[in-house]
Amino acid sequence: MKLKICGMKYPENIIEVGSLLPDYMGFIFYEKSARYFNGTIPELIKTIKKVGVFVNESVENIIKKIDEHNLQAVQLHGTESVEFCQELKNKINKRIEIIKVFSIGDDFDFEVLQPFEDVCDYFLFDTKGKLPGGNGATFNWKILKNNKSNKPFFLSGGIGLEEIAAIKNLKLPVYAIDVNSRFEIEPGLKNKNLLTNFKRKLEIVNL
């Protein structure tokens, strides 16, 4: 199982967390976010994929950020349509991954995923809340059993140390775990010690 650490903001902290070798590191290019990234991403080990997180951004601006920061993945965290995802897919390098986010509540209809299967590489399931991400709460993971899609997915939303056992017990094909607010000292500043402990425990339980 892959690990994505999202909402990175400060260069020294980015380098520090990068030493843990997560598979993905997320940078939020959404100005209304407390974790909005508006700097230069420091040099990272090449195995770490840099993910740009966007909310209802234009294709042109997404491509601009891809080029500016040499992103390897794009995470769409708004109400982007199938047509939008297709246009983006047509205009970017095929090696750049597209991750489409869906906010999950108890009444979520997984049928809405089907049209997106051909226009993105992964889904990301996050908790439905007031903000587009970073709400610090988990959703009812049992609802994922209603997901009939074979598309690999990221599991997100309020994941911390206490959730490791529950993730293992899910017995679902989770491609990656996405962590953020539960490991923060303040928005955008991650606690390396907590993340180190989390990563070690993931390895112990073979996640």
N, C-alpha and C. Protein backbone atom coordinates (compact mmCIF):
# COMPACT_ATOMS: atom_id res chain seq x y z
N MET A 1 0.83 -1.19 0.00
CA MET A 1 0.00 0.00 0.00
C MET A 1 0.87 1.25 0.00
N LYS A 2 0.52 2.21 -0.85
CA LYS A 2 1.29 3.45 -0.98
C LYS A 2 0.89 4.45 0.10
N LEU A 3 1.77 5.42 0.34
CA LEU A 3 1.51 6.48 1.32
C LEU A 3 1.62 7.83 0.64
N LYS A 4 0.58 8.64 0.81
CA LYS A 4 0.60 10.02 0.32
C LYS A 4 0.47 10.96 1.51
N ILE A 5 1.39 11.92 1.60
CA ILE A 5 1.34 12.94 2.64
C ILE A 5 0.97 14.25 1.94
N CYS A 6 -0.16 14.80 2.32
CA CYS A 6 -0.70 15.95 1.58
C CYS A 6 -0.66 17.22 2.41
N GLY A 7 -0.84 18.34 1.71
CA GLY A 7 -0.91 19.63 2.38
C GLY A 7 0.43 20.16 2.86
N MET A 8 1.50 19.86 2.11
CA MET A 8 2.82 20.36 2.47
C MET A 8 2.94 21.84 2.08
N LYS A 9 3.68 22.60 2.91
CA LYS A 9 3.72 24.05 2.69
C LYS A 9 5.09 24.69 2.87
N TYR A 10 5.87 24.22 3.84
CA TYR A 10 7.11 24.89 4.20
C TYR A 10 8.33 24.12 3.72
N PRO A 11 9.27 24.79 3.01
CA PRO A 11 10.40 24.09 2.38
C PRO A 11 11.20 23.18 3.31
N GLU A 12 11.59 23.66 4.50
CA GLU A 12 12.38 22.83 5.40
C GLU A 12 11.59 21.60 5.85
N ASN A 13 10.31 21.79 6.10
CA ASN A 13 9.45 20.69 6.52
C ASN A 13 9.24 19.70 5.36
N ILE A 14 9.17 20.22 4.16
CA ILE A 14 9.03 19.36 2.97
C ILE A 14 10.25 18.44 2.84
N ILE A 15 11.43 18.98 3.02
CA ILE A 15 12.66 18.18 2.95
C ILE A 15 12.70 17.16 4.08
N GLU A 16 12.32 17.61 5.27
CA GLU A 16 12.31 16.75 6.46
C GLU A 16 11.36 15.56 6.27
N VAL A 17 10.15 15.83 5.83
CA VAL A 17 9.16 14.78 5.61
C VAL A 17 9.54 13.93 4.40
N GLY A 18 10.18 14.55 3.42
CA GLY A 18 10.62 13.81 2.24
C GLY A 18 11.63 12.72 2.58
N SER A 19 12.36 12.89 3.68
CA SER A 19 13.35 11.87 4.09
C SER A 19 12.67 10.57 4.51
N LEU A 20 11.36 10.61 4.77
CA LEU A 20 10.61 9.40 5.12
C LEU A 20 10.23 8.58 3.88
N LEU A 21 10.48 9.15 2.71
CA LEU A 21 10.23 8.50 1.43
C LEU A 21 8.77 8.07 1.23
N PRO A 22 7.83 9.02 1.41
CA PRO A 22 6.46 8.69 1.03
C PRO A 22 6.40 8.48 -0.48
N ASP A 23 5.39 7.79 -0.94
CA ASP A 23 5.25 7.55 -2.38
C ASP A 23 4.75 8.80 -3.11
N TYR A 24 3.91 9.57 -2.41
CA TYR A 24 3.35 10.80 -2.98
C TYR A 24 3.45 11.91 -1.94
N MET A 25 3.63 13.14 -2.44
CA MET A 25 3.59 14.31 -1.57
C MET A 25 2.70 15.35 -2.25
N GLY A 26 1.70 15.85 -1.51
CA GLY A 26 0.71 16.74 -2.11
C GLY A 26 0.92 18.20 -1.78
N PHE A 27 0.70 19.05 -2.79
CA PHE A 27 0.83 20.50 -2.66
C PHE A 27 -0.47 21.13 -3.13
N ILE A 28 -1.09 21.92 -2.27
CA ILE A 28 -2.42 22.45 -2.55
C ILE A 28 -2.35 23.81 -3.23
N PHE A 29 -2.82 23.85 -4.47
CA PHE A 29 -2.83 25.10 -5.24
C PHE A 29 -4.26 25.66 -5.27
N TYR A 30 -4.80 25.86 -4.08
CA TYR A 30 -6.15 26.39 -3.92
C TYR A 30 -6.05 27.51 -2.90
N GLU A 31 -6.24 28.74 -3.36
CA GLU A 31 -5.92 29.92 -2.55
C GLU A 31 -6.73 30.02 -1.26
N LYS A 32 -7.90 29.43 -1.20
CA LYS A 32 -8.73 29.53 0.00
C LYS A 32 -8.31 28.54 1.08
N SER A 33 -7.39 27.66 0.76
CA SER A 33 -6.93 26.67 1.73
C SER A 33 -5.88 27.26 2.67
N ALA A 34 -5.92 26.85 3.94
CA ALA A 34 -4.89 27.26 4.90
C ALA A 34 -3.55 26.63 4.55
N ARG A 35 -3.58 25.63 3.69
CA ARG A 35 -2.36 24.93 3.28
C ARG A 35 -1.94 25.31 1.85
N TYR A 36 -2.46 26.43 1.40
CA TYR A 36 -2.14 26.90 0.04
C TYR A 36 -0.64 27.02 -0.16
N PHE A 37 -0.16 26.42 -1.24
CA PHE A 37 1.28 26.43 -1.52
C PHE A 37 1.56 27.46 -2.61
N ASN A 38 2.45 28.39 -2.30
CA ASN A 38 2.76 29.45 -3.25
C ASN A 38 4.26 29.72 -3.28
N GLY A 39 5.04 28.66 -3.21
CA GLY A 39 6.49 28.82 -3.20
C GLY A 39 7.15 27.96 -4.25
N THR A 40 8.38 27.56 -3.97
CA THR A 40 9.14 26.67 -4.84
C THR A 40 9.35 25.35 -4.11
N ILE A 41 8.99 24.27 -4.74
CA ILE A 41 9.16 22.96 -4.13
C ILE A 41 10.64 22.61 -4.13
N PRO A 42 11.21 22.32 -2.98
CA PRO A 42 12.64 21.96 -2.95
C PRO A 42 12.87 20.62 -3.65
N GLU A 43 14.13 20.36 -3.95
CA GLU A 43 14.49 19.11 -4.64
C GLU A 43 14.13 17.92 -3.76
N LEU A 44 13.40 16.98 -4.34
CA LEU A 44 12.99 15.78 -3.62
C LEU A 44 13.58 14.54 -4.28
N ILE A 45 13.69 13.47 -3.52
CA ILE A 45 14.12 12.19 -4.09
C ILE A 45 13.15 11.80 -5.18
N LYS A 46 13.66 11.32 -6.29
CA LYS A 46 12.86 11.12 -7.50
C LYS A 46 11.75 10.08 -7.34
N THR A 47 11.84 9.23 -6.33
CA THR A 47 10.78 8.23 -6.14
C THR A 47 9.50 8.84 -5.56
N ILE A 48 9.61 10.07 -5.03
CA ILE A 48 8.44 10.75 -4.47
C ILE A 48 7.71 11.48 -5.60
N LYS A 49 6.47 11.12 -5.82
CA LYS A 49 5.68 11.79 -6.85
C LYS A 49 5.04 13.05 -6.27
N LYS A 50 5.28 14.15 -6.95
CA LYS A 50 4.71 15.43 -6.51
C LYS A 50 3.30 15.59 -7.10
N VAL A 51 2.35 15.82 -6.20
CA VAL A 51 0.94 15.91 -6.60
C VAL A 51 0.45 17.34 -6.43
N GLY A 52 -0.09 17.91 -7.49
CA GLY A 52 -0.73 19.21 -7.39
C GLY A 52 -2.21 19.03 -7.12
N VAL A 53 -2.71 19.67 -6.06
CA VAL A 53 -4.12 19.55 -5.69
C VAL A 53 -4.86 20.81 -6.14
N PHE A 54 -5.92 20.62 -6.92
CA PHE A 54 -6.65 21.74 -7.51
C PHE A 54 -8.14 21.61 -7.22
N VAL A 55 -8.80 22.76 -7.09
CA VAL A 55 -10.25 22.80 -6.86
C VAL A 55 -10.90 23.68 -7.94
N ASN A 56 -11.56 23.05 -8.87
CA ASN A 56 -12.27 23.75 -9.95
C ASN A 56 -11.38 24.78 -10.65
N GLU A 57 -10.15 24.37 -10.91
CA GLU A 57 -9.18 25.23 -11.60
C GLU A 57 -9.32 25.02 -13.11
N SER A 58 -8.83 25.97 -13.89
CA SER A 58 -8.87 25.82 -15.35
C SER A 58 -7.78 24.86 -15.81
N VAL A 59 -8.01 24.24 -16.97
CA VAL A 59 -7.02 23.34 -17.54
C VAL A 59 -5.70 24.07 -17.77
N GLU A 60 -5.80 25.30 -18.24
CA GLU A 60 -4.60 26.08 -18.54
C GLU A 60 -3.76 26.32 -17.29
N ASN A 61 -4.40 26.67 -16.19
CA ASN A 61 -3.66 26.92 -14.96
C ASN A 61 -3.08 25.65 -14.36
N ILE A 62 -3.78 24.55 -14.52
CA ILE A 62 -3.25 23.27 -14.05
C ILE A 62 -1.98 22.91 -14.83
N ILE A 63 -2.04 23.07 -16.12
CA ILE A 63 -0.86 22.77 -16.95
C ILE A 63 0.30 23.70 -16.60
N LYS A 64 -0.02 24.96 -16.30
CA LYS A 64 1.02 25.91 -15.90
C LYS A 64 1.72 25.45 -14.63
N LYS A 65 0.95 24.95 -13.65
CA LYS A 65 1.54 24.47 -12.40
C LYS A 65 2.32 23.17 -12.62
N ILE A 66 1.84 22.33 -13.50
CA ILE A 66 2.56 21.09 -13.82
C ILE A 66 3.96 21.44 -14.35
N ASP A 67 4.00 22.39 -15.26
CA ASP A 67 5.28 22.78 -15.86
C ASP A 67 6.17 23.51 -14.85
N GLU A 68 5.58 24.36 -14.05
CA GLU A 68 6.34 25.17 -13.10
C GLU A 68 7.00 24.32 -12.02
N HIS A 69 6.28 23.28 -11.56
CA HIS A 69 6.75 22.49 -10.42
C HIS A 69 7.13 21.05 -10.80
N ASN A 70 7.09 20.75 -12.08
CA ASN A 70 7.41 19.39 -12.55
C ASN A 70 6.60 18.35 -11.78
N LEU A 71 5.27 18.52 -11.80
CA LEU A 71 4.38 17.62 -11.07
C LEU A 71 4.27 16.28 -11.80
N GLN A 72 4.11 15.22 -11.01
CA GLN A 72 3.92 13.90 -11.59
C GLN A 72 2.47 13.42 -11.49
N ALA A 73 1.66 14.17 -10.75
CA ALA A 73 0.25 13.80 -10.60
C ALA A 73 -0.58 15.05 -10.33
N VAL A 74 -1.85 14.94 -10.72
CA VAL A 74 -2.80 16.03 -10.52
C VAL A 74 -4.00 15.46 -9.77
N GLN A 75 -4.39 16.14 -8.69
CA GLN A 75 -5.54 15.71 -7.89
C GLN A 75 -6.65 16.75 -8.03
N LEU A 76 -7.79 16.31 -8.54
CA LEU A 76 -8.91 17.21 -8.79
C LEU A 76 -9.91 17.08 -7.65
N HIS A 77 -10.01 18.14 -6.85
CA HIS A 77 -10.74 18.07 -5.58
C HIS A 77 -12.03 18.88 -5.60
N GLY A 78 -12.48 19.25 -6.80
CA GLY A 78 -13.69 20.05 -6.90
C GLY A 78 -14.82 19.28 -7.55
N THR A 79 -15.62 20.00 -8.34
CA THR A 79 -16.76 19.39 -9.03
C THR A 79 -16.44 19.19 -10.51
N GLU A 80 -15.20 18.88 -10.81
CA GLU A 80 -14.78 18.73 -12.20
C GLU A 80 -15.58 17.64 -12.90
N SER A 81 -16.00 17.92 -14.12
CA SER A 81 -16.83 17.00 -14.89
C SER A 81 -16.00 15.95 -15.62
N VAL A 82 -16.68 14.97 -16.15
CA VAL A 82 -16.01 13.95 -16.99
C VAL A 82 -15.34 14.63 -18.18
N GLU A 83 -16.05 15.58 -18.77
CA GLU A 83 -15.52 16.29 -19.94
C GLU A 83 -14.27 17.08 -19.59
N PHE A 84 -14.26 17.69 -18.42
CA PHE A 84 -13.08 18.43 -17.97
C PHE A 84 -11.90 17.47 -17.82
N CYS A 85 -12.12 16.34 -17.16
CA CYS A 85 -11.04 15.36 -16.95
C CYS A 85 -10.51 14.86 -18.28
N GLN A 86 -11.42 14.65 -19.25
CA GLN A 86 -11.00 14.18 -20.57
C GLN A 86 -10.14 15.22 -21.26
N GLU A 87 -10.56 16.48 -21.18
CA GLU A 87 -9.77 17.56 -21.80
C GLU A 87 -8.39 17.64 -21.18
N LEU A 88 -8.33 17.56 -19.85
CA LEU A 88 -7.04 17.62 -19.17
C LEU A 88 -6.17 16.43 -19.58
N LYS A 89 -6.76 15.27 -19.61
CA LYS A 89 -6.02 14.06 -19.99
C LYS A 89 -5.44 14.19 -21.39
N ASN A 90 -6.19 14.80 -22.29
CA ASN A 90 -5.74 14.95 -23.67
C ASN A 90 -4.58 15.94 -23.80
N LYS A 91 -4.48 16.85 -22.85
CA LYS A 91 -3.52 17.94 -22.99
C LYS A 91 -2.24 17.77 -22.16
N ILE A 92 -2.23 16.79 -21.25
CA ILE A 92 -1.04 16.62 -20.43
C ILE A 92 -0.27 15.38 -20.86
N ASN A 93 0.96 15.30 -20.39
CA ASN A 93 1.79 14.12 -20.64
C ASN A 93 1.12 12.87 -20.10
N LYS A 94 1.12 11.82 -20.87
CA LYS A 94 0.43 10.58 -20.45
C LYS A 94 1.00 9.99 -19.17
N ARG A 95 2.23 10.33 -18.83
CA ARG A 95 2.85 9.78 -17.61
C ARG A 95 2.36 10.49 -16.35
N ILE A 96 1.68 11.62 -16.51
CA ILE A 96 1.16 12.35 -15.35
C ILE A 96 -0.17 11.74 -14.92
N GLU A 97 -0.24 11.33 -13.66
CA GLU A 97 -1.42 10.66 -13.16
C GLU A 97 -2.53 11.66 -12.81
N ILE A 98 -3.76 11.27 -13.08
CA ILE A 98 -4.92 12.08 -12.71
C ILE A 98 -5.68 11.35 -11.61
N ILE A 99 -5.86 12.04 -10.49
CA ILE A 99 -6.58 11.50 -9.34
C ILE A 99 -7.86 12.32 -9.16
N LYS A 100 -9.02 11.67 -9.28
CA LYS A 100 -10.29 12.40 -9.10
C LYS A 100 -10.86 12.11 -7.72
N VAL A 101 -11.16 13.18 -7.00
CA VAL A 101 -11.64 13.07 -5.62
C VAL A 101 -13.17 13.04 -5.58
N PHE A 102 -13.69 12.20 -4.70
CA PHE A 102 -15.12 12.16 -4.43
C PHE A 102 -15.33 12.25 -2.92
N SER A 103 -16.19 13.17 -2.51
CA SER A 103 -16.50 13.36 -1.09
C SER A 103 -17.62 12.40 -0.70
N ILE A 104 -17.36 11.58 0.30
CA ILE A 104 -18.26 10.48 0.62
C ILE A 104 -19.08 10.77 1.87
N GLY A 105 -20.39 10.71 1.71
CA GLY A 105 -21.33 10.75 2.82
C GLY A 105 -22.09 9.43 2.86
N ASP A 106 -22.95 9.27 3.82
CA ASP A 106 -23.67 8.01 3.97
C ASP A 106 -24.59 7.70 2.79
N ASP A 107 -24.97 8.74 2.05
CA ASP A 107 -25.89 8.53 0.93
C ASP A 107 -25.18 8.56 -0.43
N PHE A 108 -23.85 8.41 -0.43
CA PHE A 108 -23.10 8.52 -1.68
C PHE A 108 -23.50 7.41 -2.65
N ASP A 109 -23.71 7.80 -3.91
CA ASP A 109 -24.08 6.85 -4.96
C ASP A 109 -22.85 6.52 -5.79
N PHE A 110 -22.32 5.32 -5.65
CA PHE A 110 -21.09 4.94 -6.34
C PHE A 110 -21.27 4.80 -7.85
N GLU A 111 -22.51 4.84 -8.32
CA GLU A 111 -22.74 4.79 -9.76
C GLU A 111 -22.15 6.01 -10.48
N VAL A 112 -21.97 7.12 -9.73
CA VAL A 112 -21.43 8.33 -10.36
C VAL A 112 -19.97 8.14 -10.78
N LEU A 113 -19.31 7.11 -10.27
CA LEU A 113 -17.90 6.89 -10.60
C LEU A 113 -17.72 6.37 -12.03
N GLN A 114 -18.67 5.60 -12.49
CA GLN A 114 -18.49 4.86 -13.75
C GLN A 114 -18.04 5.73 -14.92
N PRO A 115 -18.66 6.89 -15.18
CA PRO A 115 -18.22 7.70 -16.32
C PRO A 115 -16.80 8.23 -16.20
N PHE A 116 -16.26 8.26 -14.98
CA PHE A 116 -14.90 8.80 -14.76
C PHE A 116 -13.81 7.75 -14.95
N GLU A 117 -14.18 6.50 -15.07
CA GLU A 117 -13.18 5.43 -15.07
C GLU A 117 -12.16 5.57 -16.20
N ASP A 118 -12.59 6.05 -17.35
CA ASP A 118 -11.69 6.14 -18.49
C ASP A 118 -10.92 7.44 -18.57
N VAL A 119 -11.23 8.39 -17.67
CA VAL A 119 -10.59 9.71 -17.79
C VAL A 119 -9.67 10.03 -16.61
N CYS A 120 -9.48 9.07 -15.70
CA CYS A 120 -8.55 9.30 -14.61
C CYS A 120 -7.85 7.98 -14.26
N ASP A 121 -6.75 8.11 -13.53
CA ASP A 121 -5.96 6.93 -13.17
C ASP A 121 -6.37 6.35 -11.83
N TYR A 122 -6.81 7.23 -10.92
CA TYR A 122 -7.19 6.80 -9.58
C TYR A 122 -8.38 7.61 -9.11
N PHE A 123 -9.15 7.03 -8.19
CA PHE A 123 -10.13 7.78 -7.42
C PHE A 123 -9.52 8.06 -6.05
N LEU A 124 -10.02 9.09 -5.39
CA LEU A 124 -9.66 9.35 -4.00
C LEU A 124 -10.96 9.60 -3.25
N PHE A 125 -11.19 8.82 -2.20
CA PHE A 125 -12.40 8.94 -1.40
C PHE A 125 -12.08 9.70 -0.11
N ASP A 126 -12.73 10.85 0.04
CA ASP A 126 -12.49 11.72 1.18
C ASP A 126 -13.80 11.94 1.93
N THR A 127 -13.71 12.50 3.12
CA THR A 127 -14.90 12.76 3.93
C THR A 127 -15.63 13.99 3.43
N LYS A 128 -16.94 13.86 3.26
CA LYS A 128 -17.75 15.01 2.87
C LYS A 128 -17.82 15.98 4.05
N GLY A 129 -17.43 17.23 3.82
CA GLY A 129 -17.42 18.22 4.89
C GLY A 129 -17.57 19.63 4.36
N LYS A 130 -17.37 20.61 5.23
CA LYS A 130 -17.53 22.01 4.83
C LYS A 130 -16.44 22.46 3.87
N LEU A 131 -15.26 21.85 4.02
CA LEU A 131 -14.12 22.24 3.20
C LEU A 131 -13.79 21.14 2.19
N PRO A 132 -13.18 21.48 1.05
CA PRO A 132 -12.77 20.45 0.08
C PRO A 132 -11.48 19.78 0.52
N GLY A 133 -11.56 19.00 1.60
CA GLY A 133 -10.37 18.32 2.14
C GLY A 133 -9.90 18.96 3.43
N GLY A 134 -9.10 18.20 4.19
CA GLY A 134 -8.51 18.72 5.42
C GLY A 134 -9.50 18.94 6.54
N ASN A 135 -10.60 18.17 6.54
CA ASN A 135 -11.61 18.34 7.58
C ASN A 135 -11.29 17.57 8.86
N GLY A 136 -10.35 16.64 8.80
CA GLY A 136 -9.90 15.93 9.99
C GLY A 136 -10.84 14.87 10.51
N ALA A 137 -11.80 14.42 9.69
CA ALA A 137 -12.76 13.42 10.14
C ALA A 137 -12.83 12.27 9.14
N THR A 138 -13.03 11.07 9.64
CA THR A 138 -13.20 9.92 8.76
C THR A 138 -14.68 9.78 8.38
N PHE A 139 -14.91 9.09 7.25
CA PHE A 139 -16.29 8.77 6.90
C PHE A 139 -16.53 7.29 7.23
N ASN A 140 -17.75 6.85 7.06
CA ASN A 140 -18.10 5.46 7.34
C ASN A 140 -17.53 4.56 6.25
N TRP A 141 -16.40 3.94 6.53
CA TRP A 141 -15.71 3.15 5.50
C TRP A 141 -16.50 1.93 5.04
N LYS A 142 -17.47 1.51 5.83
CA LYS A 142 -18.28 0.34 5.43
C LYS A 142 -19.01 0.58 4.13
N ILE A 143 -19.28 1.87 3.83
CA ILE A 143 -19.99 2.20 2.60
C ILE A 143 -19.16 1.85 1.36
N LEU A 144 -17.85 1.71 1.53
CA LEU A 144 -16.98 1.38 0.39
C LEU A 144 -17.29 0.00 -0.18
N LYS A 145 -17.97 -0.82 0.57
CA LYS A 145 -18.36 -2.14 0.06
C LYS A 145 -19.39 -2.01 -1.06
N ASN A 146 -19.99 -0.83 -1.20
CA ASN A 146 -20.93 -0.58 -2.30
C ASN A 146 -20.22 -0.17 -3.57
N ASN A 147 -18.90 0.02 -3.50
CA ASN A 147 -18.12 0.43 -4.65
C ASN A 147 -17.86 -0.76 -5.57
N LYS A 148 -18.43 -0.73 -6.75
CA LYS A 148 -18.27 -1.84 -7.71
C LYS A 148 -17.14 -1.58 -8.72
N SER A 149 -16.53 -0.41 -8.63
CA SER A 149 -15.47 -0.06 -9.57
C SER A 149 -14.18 -0.81 -9.27
N ASN A 150 -13.45 -1.14 -10.31
CA ASN A 150 -12.14 -1.78 -10.17
C ASN A 150 -11.00 -0.76 -10.19
N LYS A 151 -11.36 0.51 -10.29
CA LYS A 151 -10.35 1.56 -10.33
C LYS A 151 -9.62 1.63 -8.98
N PRO A 152 -8.28 1.60 -8.96
CA PRO A 152 -7.55 1.74 -7.70
C PRO A 152 -7.89 3.07 -7.03
N PHE A 153 -7.92 3.07 -5.68
CA PHE A 153 -8.30 4.32 -5.02
C PHE A 153 -7.41 4.63 -3.81
N PHE A 154 -7.34 5.94 -3.53
CA PHE A 154 -6.70 6.47 -2.34
C PHE A 154 -7.78 6.59 -1.26
N LEU A 155 -7.43 6.23 -0.03
CA LEU A 155 -8.34 6.40 1.10
C LEU A 155 -7.88 7.61 1.90
N SER A 156 -8.77 8.57 2.09
CA SER A 156 -8.41 9.82 2.74
C SER A 156 -9.49 10.19 3.77
N GLY A 157 -9.22 11.25 4.51
CA GLY A 157 -10.20 11.78 5.44
C GLY A 157 -9.93 11.43 6.89
N GLY A 158 -9.21 12.30 7.59
CA GLY A 158 -9.03 12.16 9.03
C GLY A 158 -8.28 10.92 9.48
N ILE A 159 -7.39 10.41 8.65
CA ILE A 159 -6.65 9.19 9.02
C ILE A 159 -5.47 9.54 9.92
N GLY A 160 -5.40 8.83 11.06
CA GLY A 160 -4.30 8.99 12.00
C GLY A 160 -3.81 7.63 12.46
N LEU A 161 -3.00 7.63 13.51
CA LEU A 161 -2.42 6.39 14.03
C LEU A 161 -3.51 5.38 14.44
N GLU A 162 -4.60 5.89 14.97
CA GLU A 162 -5.65 5.01 15.50
C GLU A 162 -6.40 4.26 14.41
N GLU A 163 -6.28 4.70 13.17
CA GLU A 163 -7.05 4.09 12.09
C GLU A 163 -6.35 2.91 11.41
N ILE A 164 -5.09 2.63 11.76
CA ILE A 164 -4.33 1.60 11.07
C ILE A 164 -5.02 0.24 11.15
N ALA A 165 -5.46 -0.16 12.33
CA ALA A 165 -6.11 -1.46 12.49
C ALA A 165 -7.38 -1.54 11.66
N ALA A 166 -8.14 -0.45 11.65
CA ALA A 166 -9.40 -0.43 10.89
C ALA A 166 -9.14 -0.54 9.39
N ILE A 167 -8.07 0.09 8.92
CA ILE A 167 -7.72 0.00 7.50
C ILE A 167 -7.37 -1.44 7.14
N LYS A 168 -6.60 -2.09 8.01
CA LYS A 168 -6.23 -3.48 7.76
C LYS A 168 -7.47 -4.39 7.71
N ASN A 169 -8.44 -4.09 8.57
CA ASN A 169 -9.64 -4.91 8.64
C ASN A 169 -10.63 -4.64 7.51
N LEU A 170 -10.38 -3.60 6.72
CA LEU A 170 -11.28 -3.27 5.62
C LEU A 170 -11.36 -4.40 4.58
N LYS A 171 -10.19 -5.02 4.34
CA LYS A 171 -10.11 -6.09 3.34
C LYS A 171 -10.63 -5.61 1.98
N LEU A 172 -10.25 -4.38 1.65
CA LEU A 172 -10.59 -3.79 0.36
C LEU A 172 -9.30 -3.40 -0.36
N PRO A 173 -9.34 -3.34 -1.69
CA PRO A 173 -8.12 -3.05 -2.46
C PRO A 173 -7.72 -1.57 -2.42
N VAL A 174 -7.33 -1.09 -1.23
CA VAL A 174 -6.90 0.31 -1.10
C VAL A 174 -5.51 0.45 -1.74
N TYR A 175 -5.39 1.33 -2.72
CA TYR A 175 -4.11 1.54 -3.40
C TYR A 175 -3.16 2.37 -2.54
N ALA A 176 -3.70 3.42 -1.89
CA ALA A 176 -2.84 4.31 -1.11
C ALA A 176 -3.63 4.95 0.03
N ILE A 177 -2.92 5.28 1.08
CA ILE A 177 -3.49 6.03 2.20
C ILE A 177 -3.01 7.47 2.09
N ASP A 178 -3.95 8.40 2.25
CA ASP A 178 -3.65 9.82 2.13
C ASP A 178 -3.82 10.47 3.51
N VAL A 179 -2.74 11.00 4.07
CA VAL A 179 -2.81 11.62 5.40
C VAL A 179 -2.50 13.11 5.30
N ASN A 180 -3.05 13.85 6.27
CA ASN A 180 -2.86 15.29 6.25
C ASN A 180 -3.01 15.89 7.64
N SER A 181 -4.22 16.33 7.98
CA SER A 181 -4.42 17.19 9.16
C SER A 181 -4.11 16.51 10.49
N ARG A 182 -4.25 15.20 10.59
CA ARG A 182 -4.02 14.52 11.86
C ARG A 182 -2.54 14.45 12.24
N PHE A 183 -1.68 14.89 11.34
CA PHE A 183 -0.23 14.85 11.59
C PHE A 183 0.38 16.25 11.57
N GLU A 184 -0.44 17.25 11.86
CA GLU A 184 0.03 18.62 11.75
C GLU A 184 0.27 19.30 13.09
N ILE A 185 1.28 20.14 13.09
CA ILE A 185 1.55 21.05 14.21
C ILE A 185 0.68 22.29 14.02
N GLU A 186 0.56 22.70 12.77
CA GLU A 186 -0.33 23.78 12.33
C GLU A 186 -0.61 23.50 10.85
N PRO A 187 -1.61 24.14 10.24
CA PRO A 187 -1.91 23.83 8.84
C PRO A 187 -0.68 23.94 7.93
N GLY A 188 -0.35 22.84 7.28
CA GLY A 188 0.77 22.82 6.34
C GLY A 188 2.09 22.41 6.94
N LEU A 189 2.17 22.35 8.28
CA LEU A 189 3.42 21.99 8.96
C LEU A 189 3.24 20.62 9.61
N LYS A 190 3.96 19.62 9.09
CA LYS A 190 3.77 18.25 9.53
C LYS A 190 4.74 17.87 10.65
N ASN A 191 4.26 16.98 11.52
CA ASN A 191 5.06 16.44 12.62
C ASN A 191 5.78 15.19 12.12
N LYS A 192 7.09 15.30 11.91
CA LYS A 192 7.84 14.18 11.34
C LYS A 192 7.82 12.97 12.27
N ASN A 193 7.89 13.18 13.56
CA ASN A 193 7.92 12.05 14.49
C ASN A 193 6.64 11.23 14.41
N LEU A 194 5.50 11.91 14.36
CA LEU A 194 4.22 11.21 14.22
C LEU A 194 4.15 10.45 12.91
N LEU A 195 4.61 11.07 11.84
CA LEU A 195 4.60 10.43 10.53
C LEU A 195 5.53 9.22 10.49
N THR A 196 6.68 9.34 11.15
CA THR A 196 7.62 8.22 11.22
C THR A 196 6.98 7.03 11.93
N ASN A 197 6.31 7.31 13.03
CA ASN A 197 5.63 6.27 13.79
C ASN A 197 4.52 5.63 12.96
N PHE A 198 3.77 6.46 12.24
CA PHE A 198 2.68 5.96 11.40
C PHE A 198 3.21 5.04 10.30
N LYS A 199 4.25 5.48 9.63
CA LYS A 199 4.84 4.70 8.54
C LYS A 199 5.39 3.37 9.06
N ARG A 200 6.02 3.40 10.23
CA ARG A 200 6.57 2.19 10.82
C ARG A 200 5.46 1.19 11.15
N LYS A 201 4.35 1.71 11.69
CA LYS A 201 3.24 0.83 12.04
C LYS A 201 2.57 0.25 10.80
N LEU A 202 2.51 1.02 9.73
CA LEU A 202 1.98 0.51 8.46
C LEU A 202 2.81 -0.67 7.99
N GLU A 203 4.12 -0.53 8.11
CA GLU A 203 5.03 -1.60 7.65
C GLU A 203 4.88 -2.84 8.53
N ILE A 204 4.66 -2.63 9.83
CA ILE A 204 4.53 -3.76 10.75
C ILE A 204 3.31 -4.61 10.42
N VAL A 205 2.22 -3.93 10.07
CA VAL A 205 0.98 -4.69 9.77
C VAL A 205 0.86 -5.02 8.29
N ASN A 206 1.96 -4.77 7.55
CA ASN A 206 2.02 -5.12 6.12
C ASN A 206 0.96 -4.41 5.29
N LEU A 207 0.73 -3.15 5.59
CA LEU A 207 -0.20 -2.37 4.77
C LEU A 207 0.58 -1.66 3.67
